[in-house]
C-alpha atoms as a PDB file:
ATOM      1  CA  MET A   1     154.295 152.789 142.087  1.00  0.00           C
ATOM      2  CA  THR A   2     153.180 152.691 138.441  1.00  0.00           C
ATOM      3  CA  PRO A   3     156.003 153.079 135.894  1.00  0.00           C
ATOM      4  CA  ASP A   4     155.877 156.063 133.519  1.00  0.00           C
ATOM      5  CA  LEU A   5     155.382 154.601 130.024  1.00  0.00           C
ATOM      6  CA  ARG A   6     154.747 157.882 128.190  1.00  0.00           C
ATOM      7  CA  THR A   7     156.194 158.050 124.702  1.00  0.00           C
ATOM      8  CA  ARG A   8     155.987 160.019 121.455  1.00  0.00           C
ATOM      9  CA  TYR A   9     154.789 158.287 118.307  1.00  0.00           C
ATOM     10  CA  LEU A  10     154.365 160.066 114.957  1.00  0.00           C
ATOM     11  CA  GLY A  11     154.387 163.379 116.795  1.00  0.00           C
ATOM     12  CA  LEU A  12     151.699 162.327 119.277  1.00  0.00           C
ATOM     13  CA  GLU A  13     152.243 162.148 123.029  1.00  0.00           C
ATOM     14  CA  LEU A  14     150.973 158.737 124.205  1.00  0.00           C
ATOM     15  CA  ARG A  15     150.568 157.623 127.822  1.00  0.00           C
ATOM     16  CA  SER A  16     151.637 154.119 126.827  1.00  0.00           C
ATOM     17  CA  PRO A  17     153.504 152.560 123.880  1.00  0.00           C
ATOM     18  CA  LEU A  18     150.753 149.926 123.537  1.00  0.00           C
ATOM     19  CA  VAL A  19     148.791 150.464 120.309  1.00  0.00           C
ATOM     20  CA  ALA A  20     145.702 148.318 119.698  1.00  0.00           C
ATOM     21  CA  SER A  21     145.452 147.222 116.079  1.00  0.00           C
ATOM     22  CA  ALA A  22     142.247 147.299 114.042  1.00  0.00           C
ATOM     23  CA  SER A  23     139.911 144.620 115.406  1.00  0.00           C
ATOM     24  CA  PRO A  24     136.315 144.147 116.538  1.00  0.00           C
ATOM     25  CA  LEU A  25     137.290 145.916 119.791  1.00  0.00           C
ATOM     26  CA  THR A  26     138.321 149.071 117.940  1.00  0.00           C
ATOM     27  CA  GLY A  27     135.176 149.098 115.798  1.00  0.00           C
ATOM     28  CA  GLU A  28     132.863 150.257 118.610  1.00  0.00           C
ATOM     29  CA  LEU A  29     133.100 153.004 121.207  1.00  0.00           C
ATOM     30  CA  ASP A  30     132.647 150.624 124.166  1.00  0.00           C
ATOM     31  CA  GLY A  31     135.564 148.497 122.953  1.00  0.00           C
ATOM     32  CA  LEU A  32     137.760 151.581 122.563  1.00  0.00           C
ATOM     33  CA  ARG A  33     136.947 152.660 126.116  1.00  0.00           C
ATOM     34  CA  ARG A  34     137.812 149.184 127.413  1.00  0.00           C
ATOM     35  CA  LEU A  35     141.160 149.311 125.592  1.00  0.00           C
ATOM     36  CA  GLU A  36     141.878 152.738 127.059  1.00  0.00           C
ATOM     37  CA  ASP A  37     140.974 151.521 130.559  1.00  0.00           C
ATOM     38  CA  THR A  38     143.410 148.598 130.209  1.00  0.00           C
ATOM     39  CA  GLY A  39     146.318 150.829 129.196  1.00  0.00           C
ATOM     40  CA  ALA A  40     146.330 151.179 125.412  1.00  0.00           C
ATOM     41  CA  GLY A  41     147.949 154.456 124.394  1.00  0.00           C
ATOM     42  CA  ALA A  42     146.323 154.520 120.933  1.00  0.00           C
ATOM     43  CA  ALA A  43     144.090 152.445 118.677  1.00  0.00           C
ATOM     44  CA  VAL A  44     143.961 151.810 114.946  1.00  0.00           C
ATOM     45  CA  LEU A  45     140.378 152.061 113.706  1.00  0.00           C
ATOM     46  CA  PRO A  46     138.942 149.729 111.033  1.00  0.00           C
ATOM     47  CA  SER A  47     139.171 151.159 107.514  1.00  0.00           C
ATOM     48  CA  LEU A  48     136.190 152.512 105.635  1.00  0.00           C
ATOM     49  CA  PHE A  49     136.333 151.427 102.029  1.00  0.00           C
ATOM     50  CA  GLU A  50     135.067 153.637  99.231  1.00  0.00           C
ATOM     51  CA  GLU A  51     132.432 151.009  98.368  1.00  0.00           C
ATOM     52  CA  GLN A  52     130.915 151.296 101.837  1.00  0.00           C
ATOM     53  CA  LEU A  53     130.755 155.091 101.616  1.00  0.00           C
ATOM     54  CA  THR A  54     129.308 154.968  98.101  1.00  0.00           C
ATOM     55  CA  HIS A  55     126.705 152.374  99.143  1.00  0.00           C
ATOM     56  CA  ASP A  56     125.616 154.528 102.089  1.00  0.00           C
ATOM     57  CA  GLN A  57     125.256 157.604  99.855  1.00  0.00           C
ATOM     58  CA  VAL A  58     123.275 155.692  97.218  1.00  0.00           C
ATOM     59  CA  GLU A  59     120.969 154.262  99.901  1.00  0.00           C
ATOM     60  CA  LEU A  60     120.418 157.717 101.424  1.00  0.00           C
ATOM     61  CA  ASP A  61     119.627 159.191  97.997  1.00  0.00           C
ATOM     62  CA  ARG A  62     117.154 156.360  97.320  1.00  0.00           C
ATOM     63  CA  LEU A  63     115.386 156.914 100.641  1.00  0.00           C
ATOM     64  CA  LEU A  64     115.194 160.672 100.152  1.00  0.00           C
ATOM     65  CA  GLU A  65     113.826 160.259  96.628  1.00  0.00           C
ATOM     66  CA  THR A  66     111.286 157.635  97.716  1.00  0.00           C
ATOM     67  CA  THR A  67     109.929 159.771 100.543  1.00  0.00           C
ATOM     68  CA  ALA A  68     110.083 163.120  98.728  1.00  0.00           C
ATOM     69  CA  GLU A  69     106.340 162.990  97.951  1.00  0.00           C
ATOM     70  CA  HIS A  70     105.352 162.099 101.523  1.00  0.00           C
ATOM     71  CA  VAL A  71     104.016 164.642 103.968  1.00  0.00           C
ATOM     72  CA  GLY A  72     103.444 164.508 107.702  1.00  0.00           C
ATOM     73  CA  GLU A  73      99.664 164.636 107.337  1.00  0.00           C
ATOM     74  CA  ALA A  74      97.743 161.628 106.101  1.00  0.00           C
ATOM     75  CA  GLN A  75      96.080 162.797 102.902  1.00  0.00           C
ATOM     76  CA  SER A  76      93.467 160.017 103.073  1.00  0.00           C
ATOM     77  CA  TYR A  77      91.746 161.717 106.007  1.00  0.00           C
ATOM     78  CA  PHE A  78      90.509 164.524 103.812  1.00  0.00           C
ATOM     79  CA  PRO A  79      87.215 164.028 101.917  1.00  0.00           C
ATOM     80  CA  GLU A  80      87.233 163.930  98.148  1.00  0.00           C
ATOM     81  CA  LEU A  81      86.237 167.279  96.688  1.00  0.00           C
ATOM     82  CA  ASP A  82      83.148 165.731  95.051  1.00  0.00           C
ATOM     83  CA  ASP A  83      81.991 164.455  98.474  1.00  0.00           C
ATOM     84  CA  TYR A  84      82.338 167.879 100.069  1.00  0.00           C
ATOM     85  CA  ALA A  85      79.017 169.682 100.263  1.00  0.00           C
ATOM     86  CA  PRO A  86      79.465 173.244 101.505  1.00  0.00           C
ATOM     87  CA  GLY A  87      76.509 174.565 103.422  1.00  0.00           C
ATOM     88  CA  ARG A  88      75.304 171.126 104.543  1.00  0.00           C
ATOM     89  CA  THR A  89      75.717 169.468 107.933  1.00  0.00           C
ATOM     90  CA  CYS A  90      76.369 165.775 108.540  1.00  0.00           C
ATOM     91  CA  ASN A  91      72.651 165.005 108.726  1.00  0.00           C
ATOM     92  CA  GLY A  92      71.976 166.773 105.417  1.00  0.00           C
ATOM     93  CA  SER A  93      70.177 169.826 106.825  1.00  0.00           C
ATOM     94  CA  SER A  94      71.197 173.287 105.755  1.00  0.00           C
ATOM     95  CA  ARG A  95      73.389 175.300 108.035  1.00  0.00           C
ATOM     96  CA  PRO A  96      72.016 178.547 109.346  1.00  0.00           C
ATOM     97  CA  SER A  97      73.230 181.534 107.408  1.00  0.00           C
ATOM     98  CA  ARG A  98      75.965 183.560 109.035  1.00  0.00           C
ATOM     99  CA  ARG A  99      75.148 186.697 107.098  1.00  0.00           C
ATOM    100  CA  SER A 100      74.215 189.633 109.204  1.00  0.00           C
ATOM    101  CA  PRO A 101      70.592 190.759 108.992  1.00  0.00           C
ATOM    102  CA  SER A 102      69.765 193.307 106.318  1.00  0.00           C
ATOM    103  CA  ARG A 103      69.297 196.847 107.498  1.00  0.00           C
END
């Protein structure tokens, strides 16, 4: 028979009084699941420092600004306007007129 280790800590109901401190195991979801499976009632997550959050925001802003001019279509596929000859086919012959016959 498994002993009942439930307890209250800081107003939280825990299934066990074992609390895993901040460590590499608490920094990833797989590690947290392993700690839970082995009986930890809670875990202290690694701190996020303001510098890390600021760095991430600055990097995101830089990436968004750098790619703001980019579009999904490759602009180089389109011919230059000077190279575009309306009314001509690839072999240089004139296209047949699409106007309806005069009445």
